[in-house]
């Protein structure tokens, strides 16, 4: 018997977008480099390698988000404990809406996401650079 999905991505996105702050790409570009703002790139490494990255953005893959935010997690990242505004983005703005809603539901605040994601960022003239993966530490 096939699975029955009772709640699809559209209602989930609609709910997230009603609950979180959405930032126009041009306004997000103005936030870059501020001491009180962290741009959080949730794209996977293949996307960064292919499309580039936002200089100074903190990279956290979507799959690790909850683990990196929770101070009780063994994977906790102190970046998420700082008193800053966290502005999430993905490639097009859908995953980041869900990520911002999840982060907000976990108690992280303030949070927002960039409408149109990395694509919108580039179209608004936001700076980008090539992605250089960190070298693996040798044993």
Protein backbone atom coordinates (compact mmCIF):
# COMPACT_ATOMS: atom_id res chain seq x y z
CA UNK A 1 0.00 0.00 0.00
CA UNK A 2 1.48 3.41 -0.95
CA UNK A 3 2.25 6.12 1.58
CA UNK A 4 -0.39 8.75 2.21
CA UNK A 5 1.14 12.16 2.69
CA UNK A 6 -1.30 14.19 4.75
CA UNK A 7 0.60 17.48 4.82
CA UNK A 8 2.62 18.54 1.81
CA UNK A 9 5.36 21.09 1.30
CA UNK A 10 3.01 23.89 0.18
CA UNK A 11 1.08 24.16 3.47
CA UNK A 12 4.32 23.74 5.41
CA UNK A 13 5.91 26.64 3.48
CA UNK A 14 2.78 28.78 3.84
CA UNK A 15 2.81 28.22 7.60
CA UNK A 16 6.52 28.98 7.88
CA UNK A 17 6.26 32.17 5.82
CA UNK A 18 3.42 33.47 8.02
CA UNK A 19 5.47 32.88 11.18
CA UNK A 20 8.90 34.24 10.21
CA UNK A 21 10.41 37.46 8.95
CA UNK A 22 11.15 37.48 5.23
CA UNK A 23 13.84 39.84 3.96
CA UNK A 24 14.03 41.17 0.42
CA UNK A 25 17.41 40.30 -1.16
CA UNK A 26 18.47 43.96 -1.56
CA UNK A 27 17.87 44.52 2.16
CA UNK A 28 19.75 41.34 3.02
CA UNK A 29 22.76 42.60 1.05
CA UNK A 30 22.78 45.68 3.32
CA UNK A 31 22.93 43.40 6.39
CA UNK A 32 26.08 41.62 5.20
CA UNK A 33 29.12 42.34 7.34
CA UNK A 34 27.19 43.74 10.29
CA UNK A 35 28.44 42.56 13.68
CA UNK A 36 24.91 41.85 14.91
CA UNK A 37 23.85 39.67 11.95
CA UNK A 38 24.84 36.16 10.89
CA UNK A 39 23.98 35.06 7.37
CA UNK A 40 23.43 31.29 7.55
CA UNK A 41 23.85 29.37 4.29
CA UNK A 42 22.02 26.05 4.55
CA UNK A 43 22.84 24.77 1.06
CA UNK A 44 24.76 21.54 0.75
CA UNK A 45 28.47 21.56 -0.16
CA UNK A 46 27.79 20.52 -3.78
CA UNK A 47 25.71 23.68 -4.24
CA UNK A 48 28.46 25.85 -2.78
CA UNK A 49 31.08 24.23 -5.03
CA UNK A 50 28.90 24.70 -8.10
CA UNK A 51 27.45 28.16 -7.45
CA UNK A 52 29.82 29.89 -5.02
CA UNK A 53 29.10 31.37 -1.63
CA UNK A 54 28.38 34.60 0.18
CA UNK A 55 31.59 36.00 1.73
CA UNK A 56 31.45 35.75 5.51
CA UNK A 57 28.30 33.60 5.64
CA UNK A 58 28.21 30.80 8.20
CA UNK A 59 27.65 27.46 6.48
CA UNK A 60 25.33 24.95 8.16
CA UNK A 61 23.81 22.23 6.04
CA UNK A 62 20.05 21.88 6.51
CA UNK A 63 20.47 18.35 7.82
CA UNK A 64 22.56 19.50 10.79
CA UNK A 65 20.62 22.64 11.69
CA UNK A 66 18.72 21.37 14.73
CA UNK A 67 21.83 19.62 16.07
CA UNK A 68 24.02 22.71 15.71
CA UNK A 69 21.43 25.02 17.36
CA UNK A 70 20.71 22.87 20.44
CA UNK A 71 23.26 23.54 23.23
CA UNK A 72 22.51 20.05 24.62
CA UNK A 73 23.58 18.41 21.36
CA UNK A 74 27.07 16.97 20.99
CA UNK A 75 27.20 18.82 17.65
CA UNK A 76 26.32 22.26 19.08
CA UNK A 77 28.01 25.23 17.40
CA UNK A 78 28.63 28.23 19.70
CA UNK A 79 27.82 30.56 16.79
CA UNK A 80 24.15 29.83 17.48
CA UNK A 81 24.56 30.95 21.11
CA UNK A 82 25.57 34.47 20.16
CA UNK A 83 23.21 37.42 20.61
CA UNK A 84 22.73 38.13 16.92
CA UNK A 85 20.08 38.04 14.23
CA UNK A 86 20.25 34.85 12.16
CA UNK A 87 19.28 35.26 8.51
CA UNK A 88 18.95 31.95 6.71
CA UNK A 89 19.21 31.36 2.97
CA UNK A 90 19.26 28.44 0.57
CA UNK A 91 19.29 28.36 -3.23
CA UNK A 92 15.78 29.69 -3.84
CA UNK A 93 14.16 30.49 -0.50
CA UNK A 94 12.11 27.41 0.30
CA UNK A 95 14.45 25.39 2.51
CA UNK A 96 15.52 28.57 4.30
CA UNK A 97 11.90 29.43 5.14
CA UNK A 98 11.50 26.01 6.76
CA UNK A 99 14.90 26.31 8.47
CA UNK A 100 14.11 29.75 9.90
CA UNK A 101 10.75 28.45 11.20
CA UNK A 102 12.46 25.44 12.79
CA UNK A 103 15.13 27.63 14.39
CA UNK A 104 12.45 30.00 15.68
CA UNK A 105 10.42 27.06 17.04
CA UNK A 106 13.56 25.92 18.89
CA UNK A 107 13.82 29.35 20.55
CA UNK A 108 16.52 30.96 18.41
CA UNK A 109 15.70 34.64 17.91
CA UNK A 110 15.60 36.82 16.07
CA UNK A 111 15.59 34.83 12.83
CA UNK A 112 14.64 35.60 9.23
CA UNK A 113 15.22 34.26 5.77
CA UNK A 114 16.10 35.80 2.42
CA UNK A 115 13.32 35.77 -0.16
CA UNK A 116 14.64 34.13 -3.31
CA UNK A 117 17.68 32.69 -1.51
CA UNK A 118 21.15 32.77 -3.06
CA UNK A 119 19.62 33.40 -6.48
CA UNK A 120 17.86 36.51 -5.18
CA UNK A 121 21.04 37.59 -3.39
CA UNK A 122 23.03 37.45 -6.65
CA UNK A 123 20.28 39.22 -8.62
CA UNK A 124 20.32 42.03 -6.01
CA UNK A 125 24.06 42.50 -6.59
CA UNK A 126 25.17 40.73 -3.44
CA UNK A 127 28.84 39.72 -3.37
CA UNK A 128 29.79 36.10 -4.02
CA UNK A 129 33.03 34.20 -4.12
CA UNK A 130 34.25 30.77 -5.08
CA UNK A 131 33.84 28.05 -2.49
CA UNK A 132 37.06 26.51 -1.24
CA UNK A 133 36.38 23.48 0.96
CA UNK A 134 38.41 23.26 4.12
CA UNK A 135 41.27 20.81 3.89
CA UNK A 136 40.72 17.60 5.79
CA UNK A 137 42.93 17.20 8.82
CA UNK A 138 45.41 14.39 8.45
CA UNK A 139 45.66 11.79 11.18
